[in-house]
Amino acid sequence: MSAAIELTPKAERTRAAILASAERLFAERGFRGTRLEDVAAAVGIRRASIVYYFRGKAELYDAVLGDALGGLLDQLREALVAEGSLGERIEAAVSVWVAYLGGRPNLARLLLRDAVEAEPGSAPGVVAHTKPFRALAESMVDQAGAASSSASGIDAAHLASAIAGATLFFLGAMPALVPDLEFNPSSPEHLEAHRQELLRITRRLLGEDAS
């Protein structure tokens, strides 16, 4: 579909339904294991209808990631440019991260699958969408280092790995690893406990006087 075409409200709803179903199926089956026929069936439309919106599976996959990660990036930026001390803004961003992934657990599973299944020469996947996040993390670490001598040695990749990795594993992997416990990490009480733990980790990494 040409980007110049303005979608009708009905077409916008159909496109949103395609993205939502595709996100779930990509999370469950991975990129290679998901067919456009499967997405169409989940939405209740013909396969040919998907091609009106997306030229192929790779473009659909990229659109799913762009939609999900674009929304997350917008919320993180909003938290990090809000009023308050640097420490308060970083903690607000951690809370945004947990709430966003907690409300969209399919995204956590999709990101884990993408990382595991990535191969040279395959679709760009998440990597194509991570540059703005890396720049944002590096900017915050630089600010923290300027504000606190104890935070000056923090590596942006290490901080992002500690925070992002914990949540992705918590939401995307734990339910599969401990199914007998009937563990629901997306429940409000478990999400809140996870958020509080990440905030403690963040404060230790940035230093107590990072705020």
N, C-alpha and C. Protein backbone atom coordinates (compact mmCIF):
# COMPACT_ATOMS: atom_id res chain seq x y z
N MET A 1 0.85 -1.20 0.00
CA MET A 1 0.00 0.00 0.00
C MET A 1 0.88 1.24 0.00
N SER A 2 0.55 2.19 -0.82
CA SER A 2 1.32 3.42 -0.89
C SER A 2 1.12 4.24 0.38
N ALA A 3 2.23 4.84 0.87
CA ALA A 3 2.13 5.66 2.08
C ALA A 3 1.29 6.90 1.85
N ALA A 4 1.07 7.27 0.56
CA ALA A 4 0.30 8.47 0.25
C ALA A 4 -1.20 8.25 0.36
N ILE A 5 -1.62 6.97 0.40
CA ILE A 5 -3.04 6.67 0.49
C ILE A 5 -3.54 6.92 1.90
N GLU A 6 -4.61 7.69 2.02
CA GLU A 6 -5.20 7.96 3.33
C GLU A 6 -6.22 6.88 3.64
N LEU A 7 -6.05 6.20 4.75
CA LEU A 7 -6.93 5.10 5.11
C LEU A 7 -8.24 5.62 5.69
N THR A 8 -9.30 4.91 5.38
CA THR A 8 -10.60 5.21 5.98
C THR A 8 -10.58 4.70 7.41
N PRO A 9 -11.52 5.15 8.26
CA PRO A 9 -11.57 4.62 9.63
C PRO A 9 -11.66 3.10 9.67
N LYS A 10 -12.45 2.51 8.77
CA LYS A 10 -12.57 1.05 8.74
C LYS A 10 -11.24 0.41 8.37
N ALA A 11 -10.55 0.98 7.39
CA ALA A 11 -9.24 0.45 6.98
C ALA A 11 -8.22 0.60 8.10
N GLU A 12 -8.29 1.69 8.84
CA GLU A 12 -7.39 1.89 9.98
C GLU A 12 -7.62 0.81 11.03
N ARG A 13 -8.89 0.49 11.29
CA ARG A 13 -9.20 -0.55 12.27
C ARG A 13 -8.69 -1.91 11.79
N THR A 14 -8.85 -2.18 10.49
CA THR A 14 -8.36 -3.44 9.94
C THR A 14 -6.84 -3.52 10.06
N ARG A 15 -6.17 -2.44 9.73
CA ARG A 15 -4.71 -2.43 9.83
C ARG A 15 -4.27 -2.66 11.28
N ALA A 16 -4.95 -2.02 12.23
CA ALA A 16 -4.61 -2.20 13.64
C ALA A 16 -4.85 -3.65 14.07
N ALA A 17 -5.91 -4.25 13.57
CA ALA A 17 -6.20 -5.65 13.91
C ALA A 17 -5.14 -6.58 13.33
N ILE A 18 -4.68 -6.27 12.13
CA ILE A 18 -3.61 -7.07 11.52
C ILE A 18 -2.35 -6.99 12.36
N LEU A 19 -1.99 -5.79 12.78
CA LEU A 19 -0.78 -5.62 13.59
C LEU A 19 -0.89 -6.35 14.92
N ALA A 20 -2.05 -6.26 15.56
CA ALA A 20 -2.24 -6.92 16.86
C ALA A 20 -2.15 -8.44 16.73
N SER A 21 -2.82 -8.98 15.72
CA SER A 21 -2.78 -10.44 15.52
C SER A 21 -1.39 -10.90 15.12
N ALA A 22 -0.73 -10.11 14.27
CA ALA A 22 0.62 -10.47 13.85
C ALA A 22 1.59 -10.44 15.02
N GLU A 23 1.45 -9.47 15.90
CA GLU A 23 2.33 -9.39 17.07
C GLU A 23 2.19 -10.65 17.92
N ARG A 24 0.96 -11.09 18.14
CA ARG A 24 0.72 -12.30 18.93
C ARG A 24 1.30 -13.54 18.25
N LEU A 25 1.07 -13.67 16.96
CA LEU A 25 1.54 -14.86 16.25
C LEU A 25 3.05 -14.88 16.10
N PHE A 26 3.65 -13.73 15.81
CA PHE A 26 5.11 -13.67 15.74
C PHE A 26 5.72 -14.03 17.10
N ALA A 27 5.07 -13.60 18.19
CA ALA A 27 5.57 -13.92 19.52
C ALA A 27 5.46 -15.42 19.80
N GLU A 28 4.38 -16.04 19.35
CA GLU A 28 4.15 -17.46 19.61
C GLU A 28 4.99 -18.36 18.71
N ARG A 29 5.14 -17.98 17.42
CA ARG A 29 5.73 -18.88 16.44
C ARG A 29 7.03 -18.39 15.83
N GLY A 30 7.37 -17.14 16.05
CA GLY A 30 8.55 -16.57 15.43
C GLY A 30 8.27 -16.09 14.02
N PHE A 31 9.26 -15.41 13.44
CA PHE A 31 9.07 -14.87 12.09
C PHE A 31 8.92 -15.99 11.06
N ARG A 32 9.81 -16.97 11.12
CA ARG A 32 9.77 -18.04 10.11
C ARG A 32 8.54 -18.92 10.27
N GLY A 33 8.06 -19.10 11.48
CA GLY A 33 6.93 -20.00 11.72
C GLY A 33 5.56 -19.38 11.52
N THR A 34 5.51 -18.11 11.21
CA THR A 34 4.23 -17.42 11.02
C THR A 34 3.99 -17.17 9.54
N ARG A 35 2.81 -17.52 9.07
CA ARG A 35 2.43 -17.29 7.67
C ARG A 35 1.41 -16.15 7.59
N LEU A 36 1.39 -15.47 6.48
CA LEU A 36 0.38 -14.43 6.28
C LEU A 36 -1.02 -15.02 6.35
N GLU A 37 -1.17 -16.28 5.92
CA GLU A 37 -2.47 -16.95 6.02
C GLU A 37 -2.93 -17.05 7.47
N ASP A 38 -1.98 -17.29 8.37
CA ASP A 38 -2.32 -17.40 9.78
C ASP A 38 -2.80 -16.06 10.33
N VAL A 39 -2.12 -15.01 9.94
CA VAL A 39 -2.52 -13.67 10.39
C VAL A 39 -3.89 -13.32 9.85
N ALA A 40 -4.11 -13.59 8.58
CA ALA A 40 -5.40 -13.29 7.97
C ALA A 40 -6.52 -14.04 8.66
N ALA A 41 -6.29 -15.32 8.96
CA ALA A 41 -7.31 -16.12 9.64
C ALA A 41 -7.63 -15.56 11.02
N ALA A 42 -6.59 -15.10 11.73
CA ALA A 42 -6.80 -14.54 13.07
C ALA A 42 -7.62 -13.26 13.02
N VAL A 43 -7.45 -12.49 11.95
CA VAL A 43 -8.18 -11.23 11.80
C VAL A 43 -9.58 -11.47 11.24
N GLY A 44 -9.72 -12.55 10.46
CA GLY A 44 -10.99 -12.83 9.80
C GLY A 44 -11.09 -12.20 8.43
N ILE A 45 -9.96 -12.11 7.74
CA ILE A 45 -9.93 -11.54 6.39
C ILE A 45 -9.18 -12.51 5.48
N ARG A 46 -9.17 -12.22 4.19
CA ARG A 46 -8.42 -13.04 3.25
C ARG A 46 -6.94 -12.64 3.26
N ARG A 47 -6.08 -13.58 2.89
CA ARG A 47 -4.65 -13.30 2.82
C ARG A 47 -4.37 -12.14 1.88
N ALA A 48 -5.09 -12.10 0.77
CA ALA A 48 -4.86 -11.05 -0.23
C ALA A 48 -5.13 -9.66 0.36
N SER A 49 -6.00 -9.60 1.36
CA SER A 49 -6.32 -8.30 1.96
C SER A 49 -5.13 -7.73 2.72
N ILE A 50 -4.30 -8.61 3.29
CA ILE A 50 -3.13 -8.15 4.03
C ILE A 50 -2.17 -7.43 3.09
N VAL A 51 -2.05 -7.93 1.87
CA VAL A 51 -1.11 -7.35 0.92
C VAL A 51 -1.50 -5.92 0.55
N TYR A 52 -2.75 -5.56 0.75
CA TYR A 52 -3.16 -4.17 0.53
C TYR A 52 -2.45 -3.24 1.50
N TYR A 53 -2.21 -3.75 2.71
CA TYR A 53 -1.58 -2.93 3.76
C TYR A 53 -0.07 -3.15 3.84
N PHE A 54 0.37 -4.38 3.62
CA PHE A 54 1.78 -4.73 3.76
C PHE A 54 2.19 -5.61 2.59
N ARG A 55 3.30 -5.29 1.93
CA ARG A 55 3.68 -5.98 0.71
C ARG A 55 4.14 -7.42 0.94
N GLY A 56 4.47 -7.77 2.16
CA GLY A 56 4.90 -9.13 2.44
C GLY A 56 5.11 -9.31 3.93
N LYS A 57 5.54 -10.51 4.31
CA LYS A 57 5.70 -10.81 5.73
C LYS A 57 6.79 -9.97 6.38
N ALA A 58 7.89 -9.74 5.66
CA ALA A 58 8.98 -8.94 6.23
C ALA A 58 8.52 -7.52 6.53
N GLU A 59 7.73 -6.95 5.63
CA GLU A 59 7.23 -5.59 5.86
C GLU A 59 6.24 -5.57 7.01
N LEU A 60 5.42 -6.61 7.13
CA LEU A 60 4.48 -6.70 8.24
C LEU A 60 5.23 -6.81 9.56
N TYR A 61 6.25 -7.65 9.58
CA TYR A 61 7.05 -7.82 10.80
C TYR A 61 7.69 -6.50 11.22
N ASP A 62 8.25 -5.79 10.26
CA ASP A 62 8.87 -4.51 10.55
C ASP A 62 7.84 -3.51 11.07
N ALA A 63 6.63 -3.56 10.52
CA ALA A 63 5.57 -2.65 10.96
C ALA A 63 5.13 -2.98 12.38
N VAL A 64 5.08 -4.26 12.72
CA VAL A 64 4.73 -4.67 14.08
C VAL A 64 5.75 -4.11 15.07
N LEU A 65 7.03 -4.29 14.74
CA LEU A 65 8.09 -3.78 15.63
C LEU A 65 8.06 -2.26 15.71
N GLY A 66 7.85 -1.61 14.56
CA GLY A 66 7.81 -0.15 14.55
C GLY A 66 6.67 0.39 15.38
N ASP A 67 5.51 -0.25 15.28
CA ASP A 67 4.34 0.19 16.04
C ASP A 67 4.58 0.00 17.54
N ALA A 68 5.06 -1.17 17.92
CA ALA A 68 5.24 -1.48 19.34
C ALA A 68 6.38 -0.68 19.95
N LEU A 69 7.54 -0.69 19.30
CA LEU A 69 8.70 -0.01 19.86
C LEU A 69 8.61 1.51 19.71
N GLY A 70 7.91 1.97 18.68
CA GLY A 70 7.71 3.41 18.53
C GLY A 70 6.89 3.97 19.67
N GLY A 71 5.84 3.24 20.06
CA GLY A 71 5.03 3.68 21.19
C GLY A 71 5.82 3.69 22.48
N LEU A 72 6.65 2.68 22.66
CA LEU A 72 7.49 2.62 23.86
C LEU A 72 8.49 3.77 23.89
N LEU A 73 9.13 4.03 22.76
CA LEU A 73 10.12 5.12 22.69
C LEU A 73 9.48 6.46 23.02
N ASP A 74 8.29 6.71 22.52
CA ASP A 74 7.60 7.97 22.80
C ASP A 74 7.37 8.14 24.30
N GLN A 75 6.94 7.07 24.97
CA GLN A 75 6.65 7.16 26.41
C GLN A 75 7.93 7.33 27.23
N LEU A 76 9.00 6.66 26.81
CA LEU A 76 10.27 6.80 27.52
C LEU A 76 10.81 8.22 27.39
N ARG A 77 10.75 8.76 26.18
CA ARG A 77 11.22 10.13 25.98
C ARG A 77 10.42 11.11 26.83
N GLU A 78 9.11 10.91 26.87
CA GLU A 78 8.26 11.80 27.67
C GLU A 78 8.66 11.77 29.14
N ALA A 79 8.95 10.58 29.64
CA ALA A 79 9.34 10.45 31.04
C ALA A 79 10.69 11.10 31.30
N LEU A 80 11.60 10.99 30.35
CA LEU A 80 12.96 11.46 30.56
C LEU A 80 13.14 12.97 30.35
N VAL A 81 12.17 13.62 29.72
CA VAL A 81 12.26 15.07 29.54
C VAL A 81 11.31 15.81 30.46
N ALA A 82 10.61 15.08 31.32
CA ALA A 82 9.66 15.71 32.24
C ALA A 82 10.41 16.48 33.33
N GLU A 83 9.68 17.21 34.12
CA GLU A 83 10.28 17.93 35.24
C GLU A 83 10.73 16.95 36.31
N GLY A 84 11.68 17.38 37.10
CA GLY A 84 12.18 16.54 38.18
C GLY A 84 13.68 16.32 38.05
N SER A 85 14.26 15.75 39.08
CA SER A 85 15.69 15.48 39.07
C SER A 85 16.00 14.38 38.06
N LEU A 86 17.27 14.24 37.73
CA LEU A 86 17.67 13.21 36.79
C LEU A 86 17.30 11.82 37.31
N GLY A 87 17.56 11.58 38.59
CA GLY A 87 17.23 10.29 39.18
C GLY A 87 15.74 10.00 39.11
N GLU A 88 14.94 11.00 39.38
CA GLU A 88 13.48 10.83 39.32
C GLU A 88 13.03 10.51 37.91
N ARG A 89 13.63 11.16 36.92
CA ARG A 89 13.23 10.92 35.54
C ARG A 89 13.65 9.53 35.06
N ILE A 90 14.84 9.10 35.48
CA ILE A 90 15.28 7.76 35.10
C ILE A 90 14.39 6.71 35.76
N GLU A 91 14.04 6.92 37.01
CA GLU A 91 13.16 5.98 37.68
C GLU A 91 11.78 5.97 37.02
N ALA A 92 11.32 7.13 36.57
CA ALA A 92 10.04 7.18 35.86
C ALA A 92 10.12 6.39 34.56
N ALA A 93 11.26 6.47 33.88
CA ALA A 93 11.44 5.71 32.64
C ALA A 93 11.44 4.21 32.90
N VAL A 94 12.05 3.79 33.99
CA VAL A 94 12.03 2.37 34.36
C VAL A 94 10.59 1.92 34.61
N SER A 95 9.82 2.76 35.29
CA SER A 95 8.41 2.43 35.55
C SER A 95 7.62 2.35 34.26
N VAL A 96 7.90 3.25 33.32
CA VAL A 96 7.24 3.21 32.01
C VAL A 96 7.56 1.90 31.30
N TRP A 97 8.83 1.52 31.32
CA TRP A 97 9.26 0.28 30.67
C TRP A 97 8.49 -0.92 31.20
N VAL A 98 8.41 -1.03 32.52
CA VAL A 98 7.72 -2.17 33.14
C VAL A 98 6.23 -2.15 32.81
N ALA A 99 5.61 -0.98 32.92
CA ALA A 99 4.18 -0.89 32.65
C ALA A 99 3.87 -1.19 31.18
N TYR A 100 4.69 -0.69 30.28
CA TYR A 100 4.45 -0.90 28.85
C TYR A 100 4.58 -2.37 28.48
N LEU A 101 5.65 -3.00 28.93
CA LEU A 101 5.84 -4.43 28.63
C LEU A 101 4.82 -5.28 29.37
N GLY A 102 4.47 -4.87 30.58
CA GLY A 102 3.48 -5.63 31.34
C GLY A 102 2.12 -5.62 30.68
N GLY A 103 1.80 -4.50 30.04
CA GLY A 103 0.52 -4.39 29.34
C GLY A 103 0.56 -4.96 27.95
N ARG A 104 1.75 -5.38 27.51
CA ARG A 104 1.92 -5.92 26.16
C ARG A 104 2.89 -7.10 26.21
N PRO A 105 2.54 -8.16 26.95
CA PRO A 105 3.48 -9.27 27.15
C PRO A 105 3.87 -9.99 25.86
N ASN A 106 3.02 -9.93 24.83
CA ASN A 106 3.42 -10.54 23.56
C ASN A 106 4.69 -9.89 23.02
N LEU A 107 4.87 -8.61 23.29
CA LEU A 107 6.06 -7.91 22.80
C LEU A 107 7.31 -8.47 23.46
N ALA A 108 7.25 -8.77 24.75
CA ALA A 108 8.41 -9.34 25.43
C ALA A 108 8.80 -10.67 24.79
N ARG A 109 7.83 -11.53 24.52
CA ARG A 109 8.13 -12.82 23.89
C ARG A 109 8.66 -12.63 22.47
N LEU A 110 8.10 -11.66 21.75
CA LEU A 110 8.55 -11.40 20.38
C LEU A 110 10.00 -10.95 20.37
N LEU A 111 10.37 -10.06 21.28
CA LEU A 111 11.74 -9.55 21.34
C LEU A 111 12.72 -10.67 21.69
N LEU A 112 12.33 -11.54 22.60
CA LEU A 112 13.20 -12.66 22.95
C LEU A 112 13.38 -13.60 21.76
N ARG A 113 12.30 -13.89 21.07
CA ARG A 113 12.39 -14.74 19.88
C ARG A 113 13.29 -14.12 18.82
N ASP A 114 13.12 -12.83 18.62
CA ASP A 114 13.93 -12.14 17.61
C ASP A 114 15.41 -12.26 17.92
N ALA A 115 15.75 -12.10 19.19
CA ALA A 115 17.15 -12.18 19.59
C ALA A 115 17.72 -13.58 19.39
N VAL A 116 16.92 -14.59 19.69
CA VAL A 116 17.38 -15.98 19.59
C VAL A 116 17.46 -16.43 18.13
N GLU A 117 16.49 -16.01 17.32
CA GLU A 117 16.39 -16.52 15.96
C GLU A 117 17.15 -15.70 14.93
N ALA A 118 17.68 -14.56 15.34
CA ALA A 118 18.38 -13.70 14.38
C ALA A 118 19.54 -14.44 13.73
N GLU A 119 19.62 -14.33 12.40
CA GLU A 119 20.68 -14.97 11.64
C GLU A 119 21.23 -13.98 10.62
N PRO A 120 22.50 -14.11 10.25
CA PRO A 120 23.05 -13.23 9.20
C PRO A 120 22.23 -13.34 7.92
N GLY A 121 21.88 -12.20 7.36
CA GLY A 121 21.13 -12.20 6.12
C GLY A 121 19.63 -12.31 6.28
N SER A 122 19.15 -12.46 7.53
CA SER A 122 17.71 -12.54 7.75
C SER A 122 17.12 -11.14 7.80
N ALA A 123 15.79 -11.04 8.01
CA ALA A 123 15.13 -9.74 8.11
C ALA A 123 15.78 -8.93 9.22
N PRO A 124 15.88 -7.60 9.07
CA PRO A 124 16.58 -6.76 10.05
C PRO A 124 16.09 -6.95 11.47
N GLY A 125 14.78 -7.13 11.64
CA GLY A 125 14.24 -7.36 12.97
C GLY A 125 14.43 -6.18 13.91
N VAL A 126 14.61 -6.51 15.18
CA VAL A 126 14.66 -5.49 16.22
C VAL A 126 15.83 -4.53 16.05
N VAL A 127 16.95 -5.04 15.53
CA VAL A 127 18.16 -4.23 15.41
C VAL A 127 17.89 -2.93 14.67
N ALA A 128 17.03 -2.98 13.67
CA ALA A 128 16.73 -1.79 12.87
C ALA A 128 16.01 -0.72 13.68
N HIS A 129 15.46 -1.10 14.83
CA HIS A 129 14.67 -0.15 15.63
C HIS A 129 15.34 0.23 16.94
N THR A 130 16.55 -0.28 17.19
CA THR A 130 17.15 -0.05 18.51
C THR A 130 18.03 1.20 18.60
N LYS A 131 18.43 1.77 17.48
CA LYS A 131 19.35 2.91 17.53
C LYS A 131 18.82 4.07 18.38
N PRO A 132 17.54 4.47 18.25
CA PRO A 132 17.05 5.57 19.09
C PRO A 132 17.09 5.22 20.58
N PHE A 133 16.86 3.95 20.91
CA PHE A 133 16.91 3.54 22.32
C PHE A 133 18.34 3.61 22.85
N ARG A 134 19.30 3.18 22.03
CA ARG A 134 20.69 3.25 22.46
C ARG A 134 21.12 4.69 22.69
N ALA A 135 20.72 5.57 21.79
CA ALA A 135 21.08 6.98 21.93
C ALA A 135 20.46 7.57 23.19
N LEU A 136 19.22 7.17 23.48
CA LEU A 136 18.53 7.69 24.66
C LEU A 136 19.22 7.19 25.93
N ALA A 137 19.58 5.90 25.96
CA ALA A 137 20.25 5.34 27.13
C ALA A 137 21.61 5.99 27.35
N GLU A 138 22.36 6.19 26.28
CA GLU A 138 23.67 6.81 26.40
C GLU A 138 23.58 8.25 26.90
N SER A 139 22.55 8.96 26.44
CA SER A 139 22.35 10.33 26.89
C SER A 139 22.07 10.38 28.39
N MET A 140 21.23 9.47 28.87
CA MET A 140 20.89 9.45 30.29
C MET A 140 22.10 9.06 31.15
N VAL A 141 22.88 8.10 30.67
CA VAL A 141 24.07 7.71 31.42
C VAL A 141 25.08 8.85 31.47
N ASP A 142 25.23 9.58 30.39
CA ASP A 142 26.13 10.73 30.36
C ASP A 142 25.68 11.78 31.37
N GLN A 143 24.36 12.02 31.42
CA GLN A 143 23.84 13.00 32.38
C GLN A 143 24.06 12.52 33.81
N ALA A 144 23.85 11.22 34.03
CA ALA A 144 24.05 10.68 35.37
C ALA A 144 25.51 10.80 35.79
N GLY A 145 26.42 10.54 34.85
CA GLY A 145 27.84 10.66 35.16
C GLY A 145 28.24 12.07 35.50
N ALA A 146 27.63 13.04 34.81
CA ALA A 146 27.92 14.44 35.09
C ALA A 146 27.36 14.87 36.44
N ALA A 147 26.27 14.21 36.86
CA ALA A 147 25.62 14.60 38.10
C ALA A 147 26.20 13.88 39.32
N SER A 148 26.87 12.75 39.08
CA SER A 148 27.34 11.95 40.21
C SER A 148 28.66 11.28 39.87
N SER A 149 29.66 11.45 40.69
CA SER A 149 30.95 10.79 40.44
C SER A 149 30.82 9.29 40.55
N SER A 150 29.91 8.80 41.39
CA SER A 150 29.74 7.36 41.55
C SER A 150 29.07 6.73 40.35
N ALA A 151 28.41 7.56 39.51
CA ALA A 151 27.75 7.03 38.31
C ALA A 151 28.57 7.24 37.05
N SER A 152 29.72 7.87 37.17
CA SER A 152 30.49 8.25 35.99
C SER A 152 31.04 7.05 35.23
N GLY A 153 31.17 5.91 35.91
CA GLY A 153 31.72 4.74 35.24
C GLY A 153 30.68 3.79 34.68
N ILE A 154 29.41 4.15 34.74
CA ILE A 154 28.35 3.28 34.27
C ILE A 154 28.36 3.20 32.75
N ASP A 155 28.27 2.00 32.25
CA ASP A 155 28.20 1.77 30.81
C ASP A 155 26.74 1.68 30.39
N ALA A 156 26.36 2.41 29.33
CA ALA A 156 24.96 2.44 28.91
C ALA A 156 24.45 1.06 28.53
N ALA A 157 25.29 0.28 27.85
CA ALA A 157 24.87 -1.06 27.44
C ALA A 157 24.63 -1.95 28.66
N HIS A 158 25.48 -1.80 29.69
CA HIS A 158 25.31 -2.60 30.90
C HIS A 158 24.02 -2.23 31.62
N LEU A 159 23.77 -0.94 31.73
CA LEU A 159 22.56 -0.49 32.40
C LEU A 159 21.32 -0.96 31.65
N ALA A 160 21.32 -0.78 30.33
CA ALA A 160 20.17 -1.20 29.52
C ALA A 160 19.96 -2.70 29.61
N SER A 161 21.07 -3.46 29.60
CA SER A 161 20.97 -4.91 29.68
C SER A 161 20.38 -5.35 31.01
N ALA A 162 20.82 -4.72 32.09
CA ALA A 162 20.34 -5.09 33.41
C ALA A 162 18.85 -4.84 33.55
N ILE A 163 18.39 -3.71 33.04
CA ILE A 163 16.99 -3.33 33.19
C ILE A 163 16.12 -4.06 32.15
N ALA A 164 16.49 -3.91 30.87
CA ALA A 164 15.67 -4.51 29.82
C ALA A 164 15.70 -6.03 29.89
N GLY A 165 16.89 -6.60 30.11
CA GLY A 165 16.99 -8.05 30.15
C GLY A 165 16.16 -8.67 31.25
N ALA A 166 16.15 -8.04 32.40
CA ALA A 166 15.38 -8.57 33.53
C ALA A 166 13.90 -8.62 33.21
N THR A 167 13.38 -7.56 32.62
CA THR A 167 11.95 -7.51 32.33
C THR A 167 11.57 -8.46 31.20
N LEU A 168 12.39 -8.53 30.17
CA LEU A 168 12.10 -9.44 29.06
C LEU A 168 12.07 -10.88 29.54
N PHE A 169 13.01 -11.25 30.39
CA PHE A 169 13.03 -12.62 30.91
C PHE A 169 11.84 -12.84 31.84
N PHE A 170 11.57 -11.89 32.68
CA PHE A 170 10.48 -11.99 33.66
C PHE A 170 9.14 -12.22 32.96
N LEU A 171 8.86 -11.41 31.92
CA LEU A 171 7.57 -11.49 31.24
C LEU A 171 7.54 -12.53 30.13
N GLY A 172 8.66 -12.66 29.41
CA GLY A 172 8.65 -13.50 28.23
C GLY A 172 9.06 -14.94 28.45
N ALA A 173 9.86 -15.20 29.47
CA ALA A 173 10.40 -16.55 29.66
C ALA A 173 9.87 -17.26 30.90
N MET A 174 9.66 -16.55 31.98
CA MET A 174 9.27 -17.20 33.23
C MET A 174 7.99 -18.03 33.13
N PRO A 175 6.94 -17.56 32.46
CA PRO A 175 5.72 -18.39 32.38
C PRO A 175 5.97 -19.74 31.71
N ALA A 176 6.88 -19.77 30.74
CA ALA A 176 7.18 -21.04 30.06
C ALA A 176 8.10 -21.92 30.89
N LEU A 177 8.96 -21.30 31.69
CA LEU A 177 9.93 -22.07 32.46
C LEU A 177 9.33 -22.65 33.74
N VAL A 178 8.32 -21.98 34.29
CA VAL A 178 7.70 -22.47 35.53
C VAL A 178 6.17 -22.58 35.36
N PRO A 179 5.70 -23.35 34.36
CA PRO A 179 4.25 -23.43 34.12
C PRO A 179 3.48 -24.05 35.27
N ASP A 180 4.12 -24.95 36.01
CA ASP A 180 3.42 -25.62 37.11
C ASP A 180 3.08 -24.68 38.25
N LEU A 181 3.76 -23.55 38.31
CA LEU A 181 3.50 -22.60 39.39
C LEU A 181 2.33 -21.68 39.07
N GLU A 182 1.82 -21.79 37.83
CA GLU A 182 0.74 -20.89 37.39
C GLU A 182 1.12 -19.44 37.67
N PHE A 183 2.35 -19.13 37.32
CA PHE A 183 2.92 -17.81 37.59
C PHE A 183 2.48 -16.83 36.51
N ASN A 184 1.86 -15.75 36.91
CA ASN A 184 1.42 -14.72 35.97
C ASN A 184 2.18 -13.44 36.24
N PRO A 185 3.29 -13.22 35.54
CA PRO A 185 4.10 -12.03 35.80
C PRO A 185 3.40 -10.73 35.45
N SER A 186 2.33 -10.80 34.63
CA SER A 186 1.62 -9.59 34.23
C SER A 186 0.60 -9.14 35.26
N SER A 187 0.42 -9.93 36.32
CA SER A 187 -0.54 -9.51 37.35
C SER A 187 -0.03 -8.26 38.05
N PRO A 188 -0.92 -7.41 38.51
CA PRO A 188 -0.49 -6.14 39.14
C PRO A 188 0.50 -6.32 40.27
N GLU A 189 0.29 -7.33 41.12
CA GLU A 189 1.19 -7.49 42.26
C GLU A 189 2.59 -7.93 41.84
N HIS A 190 2.67 -8.83 40.86
CA HIS A 190 3.98 -9.28 40.40
C HIS A 190 4.70 -8.17 39.62
N LEU A 191 3.95 -7.43 38.82
CA LEU A 191 4.56 -6.32 38.07
C LEU A 191 5.11 -5.26 39.02
N GLU A 192 4.36 -4.98 40.07
CA GLU A 192 4.81 -3.97 41.02
C GLU A 192 6.06 -4.43 41.76
N ALA A 193 6.09 -5.70 42.16
CA ALA A 193 7.28 -6.23 42.82
C ALA A 193 8.49 -6.18 41.89
N HIS A 194 8.27 -6.49 40.64
CA HIS A 194 9.36 -6.43 39.65
C HIS A 194 9.84 -5.00 39.46
N ARG A 195 8.89 -4.07 39.38
CA ARG A 195 9.25 -2.65 39.21
C ARG A 195 10.10 -2.16 40.38
N GLN A 196 9.69 -2.50 41.59
CA GLN A 196 10.44 -2.06 42.76
C GLN A 196 11.85 -2.64 42.77
N GLU A 197 12.00 -3.89 42.34
CA GLU A 197 13.33 -4.49 42.29
C GLU A 197 14.20 -3.79 41.25
N LEU A 198 13.63 -3.48 40.09
CA LEU A 198 14.40 -2.76 39.07
C LEU A 198 14.81 -1.37 39.54
N LEU A 199 13.95 -0.72 40.29
CA LEU A 199 14.30 0.60 40.82
C LEU A 199 15.46 0.50 41.79
N ARG A 200 15.49 -0.55 42.60
CA ARG A 200 16.62 -0.74 43.52
C ARG A 200 17.91 -0.97 42.72
N ILE A 201 17.82 -1.78 41.67
CA ILE A 201 19.00 -2.04 40.83
C ILE A 201 19.48 -0.75 40.17
N THR A 202 18.53 0.03 39.66
CA THR A 202 18.86 1.29 38.98
C THR A 202 19.57 2.24 39.93
N ARG A 203 19.08 2.35 41.14
CA ARG A 203 19.69 3.26 42.11
C ARG A 203 21.10 2.81 42.46
N ARG A 204 21.31 1.51 42.57
CA ARG A 204 22.67 1.01 42.87
C ARG A 204 23.61 1.30 41.70
N LEU A 205 23.14 1.10 40.49
CA LEU A 205 23.99 1.30 39.32
C LEU A 205 24.34 2.77 39.11
N LEU A 206 23.38 3.64 39.39
CA LEU A 206 23.61 5.06 39.17
C LEU A 206 24.24 5.76 40.36
N GLY A 207 24.19 5.14 41.51
CA GLY A 207 24.72 5.77 42.71
C GLY A 207 23.62 6.46 43.49
N GLU A 208 23.71 6.44 44.78
CA GLU A 208 22.63 6.97 45.62
C GLU A 208 22.42 8.46 45.41
N ASP A 209 23.47 9.18 44.99
CA ASP A 209 23.32 10.64 44.80
C ASP A 209 23.09 11.00 43.35
N ALA A 210 22.64 10.01 42.50
CA ALA A 210 22.42 10.31 41.08
C ALA A 210 21.26 11.24 40.86
N SER A 211 20.38 11.38 41.84
CA SER A 211 19.24 12.28 41.68
C SER A 211 19.64 13.72 41.92
